[in-house]
Amino acid sequence: MQDLFKNINPKIVLIVLLSFLVGWQLGHRDLQIKLTNYQPTVSVVNKEPPKQIKVDFKLFWDTWDLVSRTYFDKKSIDPNKLFYGAISGMVAALEDPYTVFLPPEQQKFSKEELNGSFEGVGIQLGFNKEKRLVVVAPLAGTPAQRAGIKPEDIIVKIGDKDTTNMTLPEAVNLIRGIKGTQITLTIFREGESDTRLFTLTRDIIIVKSVEVSYKETNTGKNVAVIKLSRFGERTNDEWNEAVADLLSKDSNAVILDLRNNPGGFLEGAVFIGSEFLEDGNVVLQENSEGVRTSFKVSRAGKLTNIPLVTLINKGSASASEIVAGALQDRKRSTLVGEKSFGKGTIQEAQDLEKGAGIHITVAKWLTPNGRWVNDTQGLEPDVTIENDKQSLPSDEGKEDAAKDAQFDKALELLN
C-alpha cells in the first residue's frame, strides 16, 4: 500500500465543485498499520505500512478473505474494485464530498473536464447543504442546458438508480458516456410538488472558458461583455486573448459574467482578479490551525481603471466566488444578480501511480475582508435581480423570450 503514495507529485490547488470529481483515498503518511495474522486469498504486494500510528488490520483482511471465499457471485469479485471500495469507505468517513480519491478513470475524466473537452451532457455537479446531489450549473450550449436543466436542481435518480448517498464518481460514471447514447435524470426543483424527467442525449462537450462580445449603450459606450465559464487549463491564455481584443476595440466599460461558473484552479482566480485590482489581497487561505496566507495581486492588470459590473447567480461557485468576493470587498465592482452557491474550501490535487489521483481539502478560503462563503451560504449581490434568463429553453422547447434582467441592470449601471 505504501508504494501507492511514493513519488506523489503535488500539482495544483483546485477550487472545484467538482463538477465531475470524486473517489477514494488510501492511507495518510501519519498512519502506521500493524498487520497481524491475516491470510488473504489473493496475493498482496507492497504491504509495508507507514510507521507512526498502530492500527490492527486483521479485521480488514479477515473480511476480505471471507468475502472472497464465500460471496456467491465469483465473477463480481474484482480485487481492484474491492481495494478502491475500501479506500472509498475510509474517505467517506470524513463526510467531506470534496476530499476524493480518483481511480484512473475518474482522474481521466477530471483532467478532460478541466481541459475543456469530454463526452457527456454538460452538467457541473456538486452537493447542497443537505448533501444531496445537485446541479451547480449546466454548461452553455450543451444537452443539459438545451433540455432546461437549471442550477440547484436536485438529481433524485440517474436512470433507475437513486442518488441518496451516491458519490460524485458514481454519478459521473452513470451520466457520462458515448456520444449519441441517452441518460434519463429525475429532477426535483425547488418550489415544485413533483419531480421532472429529463432524457438527455450525450454529446462531445467542448467548453471554451472565455468569450467576449460587445454591446453599445444608449449613451454610446462600447461595453465589453466577458463571459468566464470556468477556471481551467486554458483559461489564462483565452483570457489574455479576450483582453487584447477588447483593448483593440477601445472598450470603455466591462461586464464580467460569472454566472454558472462552477470554479476551477485557485491560481486562475488570482490571475483574473489581478486583471482588475492594482494591488493588495485577492483571497486569503486559512489552514486547520487558523493560520492565514495571503494571495496578493500577481501581475500588472490591464483593466484596473475601467468601469466594471460583475454578474453572479446560484451557479457561481468556488473560484468564481473568489473573484467576485475580491471585487466586492475591494469596492472595485458592483455585483448584480443572485446569491452565489457558497463553496469556501480549497482542494489540493496530486497525481498518484497508475493513473490515479487524489484531491484533499487542505484549507478554506476567505475574501479579502475575511468573509467565508460557507458561513453566509454564498455571496450577496449588491443589486439583487432574480429573474435571470440564463438562455434556457422553455419546457415546450421554445426559446424563452424573457429579457435577461440581470444583464440589463448591469448595462444600466454602466450607463
Protein backbone atom coordinates (compact mmCIF):
# COMPACT_ATOMS: atom_id res chain seq x y z
CA MET A 1 0.00 0.00 0.00
CA GLN A 2 2.81 2.36 0.80
CA ASP A 3 4.08 2.31 -2.77
CA LEU A 4 0.81 3.80 -3.92
CA PHE A 5 1.86 7.05 -2.26
CA LYS A 6 5.53 7.10 -3.27
CA ASN A 7 6.63 9.87 -5.58
CA ILE A 8 3.43 11.86 -5.17
CA ASN A 9 3.66 14.86 -7.42
CA PRO A 10 1.79 17.81 -5.85
CA LYS A 11 0.13 19.52 -8.76
CA ILE A 12 -2.03 22.43 -8.13
CA VAL A 13 -4.61 23.79 -5.78
CA LEU A 14 -8.14 23.30 -7.01
CA ILE A 15 -11.31 25.02 -6.04
CA VAL A 16 -13.77 22.98 -7.96
CA LEU A 17 -17.35 21.98 -7.23
CA LEU A 18 -16.28 19.14 -8.63
CA SER A 19 -18.10 19.03 -11.13
CA PHE A 20 -17.19 15.51 -12.14
CA LEU A 21 -14.70 14.61 -9.45
CA VAL A 22 -14.70 12.10 -6.65
CA GLY A 23 -13.37 8.82 -5.26
CA TRP A 24 -11.46 7.14 -2.60
CA GLN A 25 -8.30 7.78 -0.60
CA LEU A 26 -5.88 5.24 0.89
CA GLY A 27 -3.69 5.98 3.84
CA HIS A 28 -2.12 9.11 5.30
CA ARG A 29 1.54 9.48 5.97
CA ASP A 30 0.74 9.79 9.67
CA LEU A 31 -0.72 6.29 9.83
CA GLN A 32 1.11 3.19 10.95
CA ILE A 33 -0.74 -0.02 10.26
CA LYS A 34 0.01 -3.12 12.21
CA LEU A 35 -0.85 -6.13 10.06
CA THR A 36 -1.29 -9.26 12.16
CA ASN A 37 -2.16 -12.83 11.37
CA TYR A 38 -4.10 -12.41 8.16
CA GLN A 39 -4.28 -14.99 5.40
CA PRO A 40 -5.80 -13.32 2.32
CA THR A 41 -6.91 -15.43 -0.62
CA VAL A 42 -5.19 -13.07 -3.06
CA SER A 43 -1.53 -12.26 -3.43
CA VAL A 44 -0.82 -8.98 -1.64
CA VAL A 45 2.15 -6.86 -2.74
CA ASN A 46 3.62 -3.66 -1.31
CA LYS A 47 2.07 -4.25 2.09
CA GLU A 48 4.64 -2.41 4.22
CA PRO A 49 2.75 0.24 6.20
CA PRO A 50 3.70 3.74 7.36
CA LYS A 51 5.21 3.79 10.81
CA GLN A 52 3.57 6.20 13.22
CA ILE A 53 0.12 5.03 14.34
CA LYS A 54 -0.72 1.46 15.23
CA VAL A 55 -3.83 0.06 13.60
CA ASP A 56 -4.59 -3.64 13.63
CA PHE A 57 -5.68 -4.58 10.11
CA LYS A 58 -6.62 -8.15 10.96
CA LEU A 59 -10.36 -7.39 10.74
CA PHE A 60 -9.87 -5.85 7.29
CA TRP A 61 -8.05 -8.85 5.89
CA ASP A 62 -10.34 -11.32 7.61
CA THR A 63 -13.30 -9.61 5.95
CA TRP A 64 -11.59 -9.52 2.56
CA ASP A 65 -10.81 -13.21 2.89
CA LEU A 66 -14.35 -14.08 3.97
CA VAL A 67 -15.94 -12.14 1.08
CA SER A 68 -13.53 -13.66 -1.43
CA ARG A 69 -14.24 -17.20 -0.24
CA THR A 70 -17.97 -17.12 0.40
CA TYR A 71 -19.63 -14.50 -1.83
CA PHE A 72 -21.79 -16.42 -4.29
CA ASP A 73 -21.07 -14.41 -7.49
CA LYS A 74 -17.39 -15.10 -8.01
CA LYS A 75 -17.31 -13.16 -11.29
CA SER A 76 -18.04 -9.91 -9.45
CA ILE A 77 -15.09 -10.31 -7.08
CA ASP A 78 -12.52 -7.96 -8.56
CA PRO A 79 -9.55 -7.29 -6.22
CA ASN A 80 -9.04 -3.80 -7.66
CA LYS A 81 -12.69 -2.87 -7.06
CA LEU A 82 -12.52 -4.22 -3.52
CA PHE A 83 -9.33 -2.23 -2.99
CA TYR A 84 -10.80 1.03 -4.31
CA GLY A 85 -14.05 0.37 -2.46
CA ALA A 86 -12.16 0.06 0.83
CA ILE A 87 -10.47 3.39 0.18
CA SER A 88 -13.85 4.91 -0.69
CA GLY A 89 -15.29 3.85 2.64
CA MET A 90 -12.39 5.38 4.53
CA VAL A 91 -12.69 8.72 2.74
CA ALA A 92 -16.49 8.73 3.14
CA ALA A 93 -15.94 8.65 6.90
CA LEU A 94 -14.55 12.21 6.64
CA GLU A 95 -18.00 13.36 5.46
CA ASP A 96 -16.39 15.82 3.04
CA PRO A 97 -17.70 15.38 -0.52
CA TYR A 98 -14.73 17.33 -1.91
CA THR A 99 -11.94 15.20 -0.44
CA VAL A 100 -11.74 12.46 -3.01
CA PHE A 101 -9.58 9.69 -4.39
CA LEU A 102 -9.81 9.37 -8.15
CA PRO A 103 -9.31 5.91 -9.67
CA PRO A 104 -7.72 6.11 -13.11
CA GLU A 105 -11.00 6.52 -15.00
CA GLN A 106 -12.23 9.35 -12.76
CA GLN A 107 -8.80 11.00 -12.87
CA LYS A 108 -9.01 10.93 -16.65
CA PHE A 109 -12.50 12.46 -16.52
CA SER A 110 -11.39 15.28 -14.22
CA LYS A 111 -8.44 16.21 -16.41
CA GLU A 112 -10.56 16.13 -19.55
CA GLU A 113 -13.13 18.38 -17.95
CA LEU A 114 -10.55 20.93 -16.84
CA ASN A 115 -9.01 20.77 -20.31
CA GLY A 116 -12.41 21.68 -21.70
CA SER A 117 -13.32 18.58 -23.73
CA PHE A 118 -15.24 15.45 -22.72
CA GLU A 119 -18.24 13.28 -23.62
CA GLY A 120 -21.34 13.78 -21.53
CA VAL A 121 -24.34 16.08 -21.14
CA GLY A 122 -22.67 19.22 -19.75
CA ILE A 123 -23.65 19.27 -16.09
CA GLN A 124 -21.43 20.57 -13.31
CA LEU A 125 -22.21 18.51 -10.19
CA GLY A 126 -21.94 19.29 -6.50
CA PHE A 127 -23.74 18.81 -3.20
CA ASN A 128 -26.16 21.11 -1.44
CA LYS A 129 -26.20 21.81 2.29
CA GLU A 130 -28.26 18.65 2.85
CA LYS A 131 -25.60 16.68 0.93
CA ARG A 132 -27.95 15.89 -1.92
CA LEU A 133 -26.54 15.65 -5.43
CA VAL A 134 -27.33 18.90 -7.25
CA VAL A 135 -26.64 20.71 -10.46
CA VAL A 136 -24.17 23.50 -9.83
CA ALA A 137 -24.56 24.76 -13.38
CA PRO A 138 -25.41 23.48 -16.86
CA LEU A 139 -22.71 24.40 -19.35
CA ALA A 140 -23.70 26.75 -22.15
CA GLY A 141 -24.72 25.13 -25.41
CA THR A 142 -24.81 21.58 -24.02
CA PRO A 143 -27.59 18.95 -23.98
CA ALA A 144 -28.28 19.71 -20.31
CA GLN A 145 -28.83 23.41 -20.90
CA ARG A 146 -30.91 22.86 -24.04
CA ALA A 147 -33.17 20.47 -22.12
CA GLY A 148 -33.83 23.04 -19.39
CA ILE A 149 -31.64 21.79 -16.52
CA LYS A 150 -31.07 24.62 -14.03
CA PRO A 151 -28.66 25.41 -11.18
CA GLU A 152 -29.69 23.89 -7.83
CA ASP A 153 -31.84 21.21 -9.46
CA ILE A 154 -31.67 18.15 -7.20
CA ILE A 155 -30.84 14.97 -9.10
CA VAL A 156 -33.06 12.35 -7.48
CA LYS A 157 -32.28 9.49 -9.85
CA ILE A 158 -29.80 8.79 -12.63
CA GLY A 159 -31.50 6.24 -14.82
CA ASP A 160 -33.14 3.91 -12.30
CA LYS A 161 -30.56 4.48 -9.55
CA ASP A 162 -31.42 6.61 -6.52
CA THR A 163 -28.73 9.21 -5.77
CA THR A 164 -29.14 9.20 -1.98
CA ASN A 165 -25.63 8.68 -0.56
CA MET A 166 -24.24 8.40 -4.10
CA THR A 167 -20.70 9.71 -4.51
CA LEU A 168 -19.69 12.09 -7.27
CA PRO A 169 -17.64 9.45 -9.11
CA GLU A 170 -20.59 7.12 -9.13
CA ALA A 171 -22.75 9.91 -10.54
CA VAL A 172 -20.10 10.76 -13.12
CA ASN A 173 -19.83 7.16 -14.28
CA LEU A 174 -23.58 6.95 -14.75
CA ILE A 175 -24.04 10.31 -16.50
CA ARG A 176 -21.04 10.25 -18.78
CA GLY A 177 -21.00 8.02 -21.83
CA ILE A 178 -20.51 7.68 -25.54
CA LYS A 179 -21.81 10.41 -27.83
CA GLY A 180 -25.29 9.61 -29.10
CA THR A 181 -26.37 7.46 -26.17
CA GLN A 182 -29.06 8.63 -23.75
CA ILE A 183 -29.44 9.04 -20.00
CA THR A 184 -32.60 9.91 -18.05
CA LEU A 185 -32.40 12.16 -14.99
CA THR A 186 -35.14 12.52 -12.40
CA ILE A 187 -35.01 16.11 -11.17
CA PHE A 188 -36.68 17.85 -8.23
CA ARG A 189 -36.85 21.62 -8.48
CA GLU A 190 -37.46 23.89 -5.50
CA GLY A 191 -40.98 25.24 -5.40
CA GLU A 192 -42.50 22.34 -7.33
CA SER A 193 -44.55 19.49 -5.90
CA ASP A 194 -43.37 16.70 -8.16
CA THR A 195 -40.23 15.56 -9.97
CA ARG A 196 -39.45 16.01 -13.66
CA LEU A 197 -37.89 13.53 -16.08
CA PHE A 198 -35.20 14.73 -18.49
CA THR A 199 -33.92 12.38 -21.18
CA LEU A 200 -30.59 13.72 -22.46
CA THR A 201 -28.55 12.60 -25.44
CA ARG A 202 -24.84 12.61 -24.72
CA ASP A 203 -22.52 14.63 -26.93
CA ILE A 204 -18.92 15.78 -27.14
CA ILE A 205 -18.71 18.76 -24.79
CA ILE A 206 -16.15 21.33 -25.83
CA VAL A 207 -16.11 24.29 -23.49
CA LYS A 208 -14.24 27.50 -24.19
CA SER A 209 -13.76 29.13 -20.82
CA VAL A 210 -13.62 32.76 -22.00
CA GLU A 211 -15.76 34.52 -24.60
CA VAL A 212 -16.01 38.24 -25.31
CA SER A 213 -18.78 40.15 -27.06
CA TYR A 214 -19.73 43.80 -27.29
CA LYS A 215 -22.78 45.91 -26.51
CA GLU A 216 -23.29 49.60 -27.12
CA THR A 217 -25.27 51.55 -24.53
CA ASN A 218 -27.77 54.24 -25.43
CA THR A 219 -25.17 56.82 -24.44
CA GLY A 220 -22.65 55.39 -26.91
CA LYS A 221 -20.43 53.43 -24.53
CA ASN A 222 -18.77 50.37 -26.04
CA VAL A 223 -19.19 47.73 -23.32
CA ALA A 224 -17.13 44.53 -23.49
CA VAL A 225 -19.02 41.53 -22.10
CA ILE A 226 -16.60 38.87 -20.88
CA LYS A 227 -18.28 35.53 -20.20
CA LEU A 228 -16.00 33.46 -17.95
CA SER A 229 -17.43 29.95 -17.67
CA ARG A 230 -14.68 28.15 -15.73
CA PHE A 231 -11.08 28.34 -14.45
CA GLY A 232 -9.37 25.58 -16.40
CA GLU A 233 -6.07 24.70 -18.06
CA ARG A 234 -6.54 27.13 -20.98
CA THR A 235 -8.37 29.94 -19.20
CA ASN A 236 -5.40 32.28 -18.75
CA ASP A 237 -4.45 32.17 -22.44
CA GLU A 238 -8.06 32.60 -23.54
CA TRP A 239 -8.45 35.47 -21.09
CA ASN A 240 -5.39 37.29 -22.44
CA GLU A 241 -6.77 36.97 -25.98
CA ALA A 242 -10.13 38.42 -24.88
CA VAL A 243 -8.50 41.36 -23.08
CA ALA A 244 -6.29 42.12 -26.09
CA ASP A 245 -9.38 42.11 -28.31
CA LEU A 246 -11.43 44.46 -26.12
CA LEU A 247 -8.50 46.86 -25.81
CA SER A 248 -8.10 46.90 -29.59
CA LYS A 249 -11.77 47.87 -29.89
CA ASP A 250 -11.42 50.76 -27.41
CA SER A 251 -13.99 49.40 -24.99
CA ASN A 252 -14.64 51.81 -22.15
CA ALA A 253 -16.55 49.52 -19.76
CA VAL A 254 -16.70 45.80 -18.89
CA ILE A 255 -19.40 43.40 -17.74
CA LEU A 256 -17.77 40.33 -16.20
CA ASP A 257 -20.28 37.48 -16.41
CA LEU A 258 -19.53 34.79 -13.81
CA ARG A 259 -22.99 33.24 -13.87
CA ASN A 260 -23.00 29.43 -13.86
CA ASN A 261 -19.21 29.38 -13.40
CA PRO A 262 -18.56 26.43 -11.05
CA GLY A 263 -14.92 27.21 -10.32
CA GLY A 264 -11.57 25.63 -11.13
CA PHE A 265 -7.99 26.47 -10.27
CA LEU A 266 -7.22 28.80 -7.38
CA GLU A 267 -4.29 30.32 -9.23
CA GLY A 268 -6.67 31.09 -12.11
CA ALA A 269 -8.88 33.09 -9.76
CA VAL A 270 -5.86 35.09 -8.58
CA PHE A 271 -4.85 35.66 -12.22
CA ILE A 272 -8.28 37.01 -13.18
CA GLY A 273 -8.64 39.09 -10.03
CA SER A 274 -5.26 40.66 -10.70
CA GLU A 275 -6.54 41.98 -14.04
CA PHE A 276 -8.86 44.39 -12.22
CA LEU A 277 -7.01 45.16 -8.96
CA GLU A 278 -3.88 47.29 -8.73
CA ASP A 279 -2.52 45.68 -5.57
CA GLY A 280 -3.46 44.03 -2.28
CA ASN A 281 -5.15 40.73 -1.46
CA VAL A 282 -7.26 38.73 -3.87
CA VAL A 283 -8.01 35.88 -1.45
CA LEU A 284 -6.95 34.56 1.95
CA GLN A 285 -6.27 30.90 2.67
CA GLU A 286 -6.78 29.62 6.23
CA ASN A 287 -5.44 26.23 7.32
CA SER A 288 -6.70 23.91 10.06
CA GLU A 289 -4.73 25.81 12.71
CA GLY A 290 -6.23 29.16 11.75
CA VAL A 291 -3.06 30.44 10.07
CA ARG A 292 -3.87 32.68 7.14
CA THR A 293 -1.87 33.03 3.92
CA SER A 294 -2.49 35.97 1.59
CA PHE A 295 -2.70 35.55 -2.18
CA LYS A 296 -1.99 39.02 -3.49
CA VAL A 297 -2.29 40.62 -6.92
CA SER A 298 0.20 38.66 -9.01
CA ARG A 299 0.69 40.86 -12.08
CA ALA A 300 0.08 44.26 -13.63
CA GLY A 301 -3.53 44.23 -14.79
CA LYS A 302 -4.67 46.00 -17.94
CA LEU A 303 -8.22 46.72 -16.70
CA THR A 304 -7.60 48.23 -13.29
CA ASN A 305 -9.38 51.52 -14.04
CA ILE A 306 -12.11 50.54 -16.49
CA PRO A 307 -15.72 50.74 -15.17
CA LEU A 308 -16.82 47.23 -14.18
CA VAL A 309 -20.01 45.37 -13.21
CA THR A 310 -19.94 41.67 -12.30
CA LEU A 311 -22.82 39.21 -12.75
CA ILE A 312 -23.30 36.24 -10.39
CA ASN A 313 -26.03 33.69 -9.74
CA LYS A 314 -26.73 30.41 -7.93
CA GLY A 315 -24.34 28.60 -10.26
CA SER A 316 -21.38 30.87 -9.43
CA ALA A 317 -19.19 28.82 -7.10
CA SER A 318 -15.74 28.41 -5.67
CA ALA A 319 -13.10 30.18 -7.80
CA SER A 320 -15.73 32.44 -9.36
CA GLU A 321 -16.83 33.40 -5.85
CA ILE A 322 -13.20 34.24 -5.03
CA VAL A 323 -13.06 36.72 -7.91
CA ALA A 324 -16.48 38.19 -7.17
CA GLY A 325 -15.76 38.42 -3.44
CA ALA A 326 -12.46 40.18 -4.01
CA LEU A 327 -14.01 42.71 -6.41
CA GLN A 328 -16.84 43.35 -3.95
CA ASP A 329 -14.64 43.68 -0.85
CA ARG A 330 -12.20 45.96 -2.63
CA LYS A 331 -15.12 48.06 -3.94
CA ARG A 332 -13.85 47.54 -7.47
CA SER A 333 -17.13 46.27 -8.91
CA THR A 334 -20.84 46.16 -8.23
CA LEU A 335 -22.20 42.60 -8.02
CA VAL A 336 -25.53 42.12 -9.79
CA GLY A 337 -27.73 39.02 -9.81
CA GLU A 338 -28.50 36.28 -7.30
CA LYS A 339 -26.76 34.91 -4.24
CA SER A 340 -23.88 32.64 -5.24
CA PHE A 341 -23.52 28.91 -4.48
CA GLY A 342 -21.33 29.11 -1.36
CA LYS A 343 -18.29 26.80 -1.56
CA GLY A 344 -15.40 28.07 0.51
CA THR A 345 -12.93 25.19 0.70
CA ILE A 346 -9.67 24.53 -1.16
CA GLN A 347 -8.62 21.17 -2.51
CA GLU A 348 -5.04 20.17 -3.32
CA ALA A 349 -4.69 17.85 -6.31
CA GLN A 350 -1.95 15.26 -6.58
CA ASP A 351 -1.18 12.59 -9.15
CA LEU A 352 -0.74 9.04 -7.87
CA GLU A 353 0.70 5.96 -9.53
CA LYS A 354 -1.06 4.00 -12.28
CA GLY A 355 -3.11 6.97 -13.44
CA ALA A 356 -4.93 7.59 -10.17
CA GLY A 357 -5.21 10.91 -8.35
CA ILE A 358 -6.39 12.50 -5.16
CA HIS A 359 -7.95 15.81 -4.15
CA ILE A 360 -7.72 16.67 -0.47
CA THR A 361 -9.42 19.59 1.28
CA VAL A 362 -6.47 21.39 2.82
CA ALA A 363 -7.90 24.76 3.81
CA LYS A 364 -10.74 27.20 3.48
CA TRP A 365 -10.61 30.46 1.57
CA LEU A 366 -11.82 33.88 2.69
CA THR A 367 -12.48 37.12 0.87
CA PRO A 368 -10.01 39.97 1.48
CA ASN A 369 -12.26 41.21 4.31
CA GLY A 370 -12.27 37.78 5.94
CA ARG A 371 -15.71 36.56 4.85
CA TRP A 372 -16.26 32.80 4.47
CA VAL A 373 -18.98 31.94 1.96
CA ASN A 374 -19.83 28.71 3.79
CA ASP A 375 -20.94 30.80 6.76
CA THR A 376 -23.17 33.02 4.64
CA GLN A 377 -24.13 30.28 2.15
CA GLY A 378 -22.88 32.40 -0.71
CA LEU A 379 -22.10 35.99 -1.67
CA GLU A 380 -24.92 38.50 -1.52
CA PRO A 381 -25.05 40.68 -4.65
CA ASP A 382 -25.09 44.44 -4.26
CA VAL A 383 -28.11 44.54 -6.57
CA THR A 384 -30.41 41.52 -6.40
CA ILE A 385 -32.16 40.53 -9.63
CA GLU A 386 -33.79 37.11 -9.51
CA ASN A 387 -35.25 36.67 -12.98
CA ASP A 388 -32.17 35.59 -14.89
CA LYS A 389 -32.86 34.27 -18.35
CA GLN A 390 -29.72 32.07 -18.50
CA SER A 391 -30.51 31.28 -22.17
CA LEU A 392 -32.62 28.28 -21.17
CA PRO A 393 -35.40 26.95 -23.42
CA SER A 394 -38.89 26.60 -22.08
CA ASP A 395 -40.46 23.27 -21.16
CA GLU A 396 -42.18 23.19 -24.55
CA GLY A 397 -38.88 23.50 -26.37
CA LYS A 398 -39.49 27.09 -27.47
CA GLU A 399 -36.92 29.75 -26.78
CA ASP A 400 -37.73 31.75 -23.67
CA ALA A 401 -38.27 35.31 -24.84
CA ALA A 402 -37.91 36.84 -21.39
CA LYS A 403 -35.28 39.52 -21.13
CA ASP A 404 -32.06 38.97 -19.22
CA ALA A 405 -32.88 41.39 -16.43
CA GLN A 406 -29.53 40.92 -14.70
CA PHE A 407 -27.60 41.86 -17.83
CA ASP A 408 -29.92 44.80 -18.50
CA LYS A 409 -29.31 46.06 -14.95
CA ALA A 410 -25.55 45.83 -15.46
CA LEU A 411 -25.82 47.92 -18.63
CA GLU A 412 -28.00 50.42 -16.79
CA LEU A 413 -25.42 50.83 -14.03
CA LEU A 414 -22.61 51.37 -16.57
CA ASN A 415 -24.76 53.83 -18.48
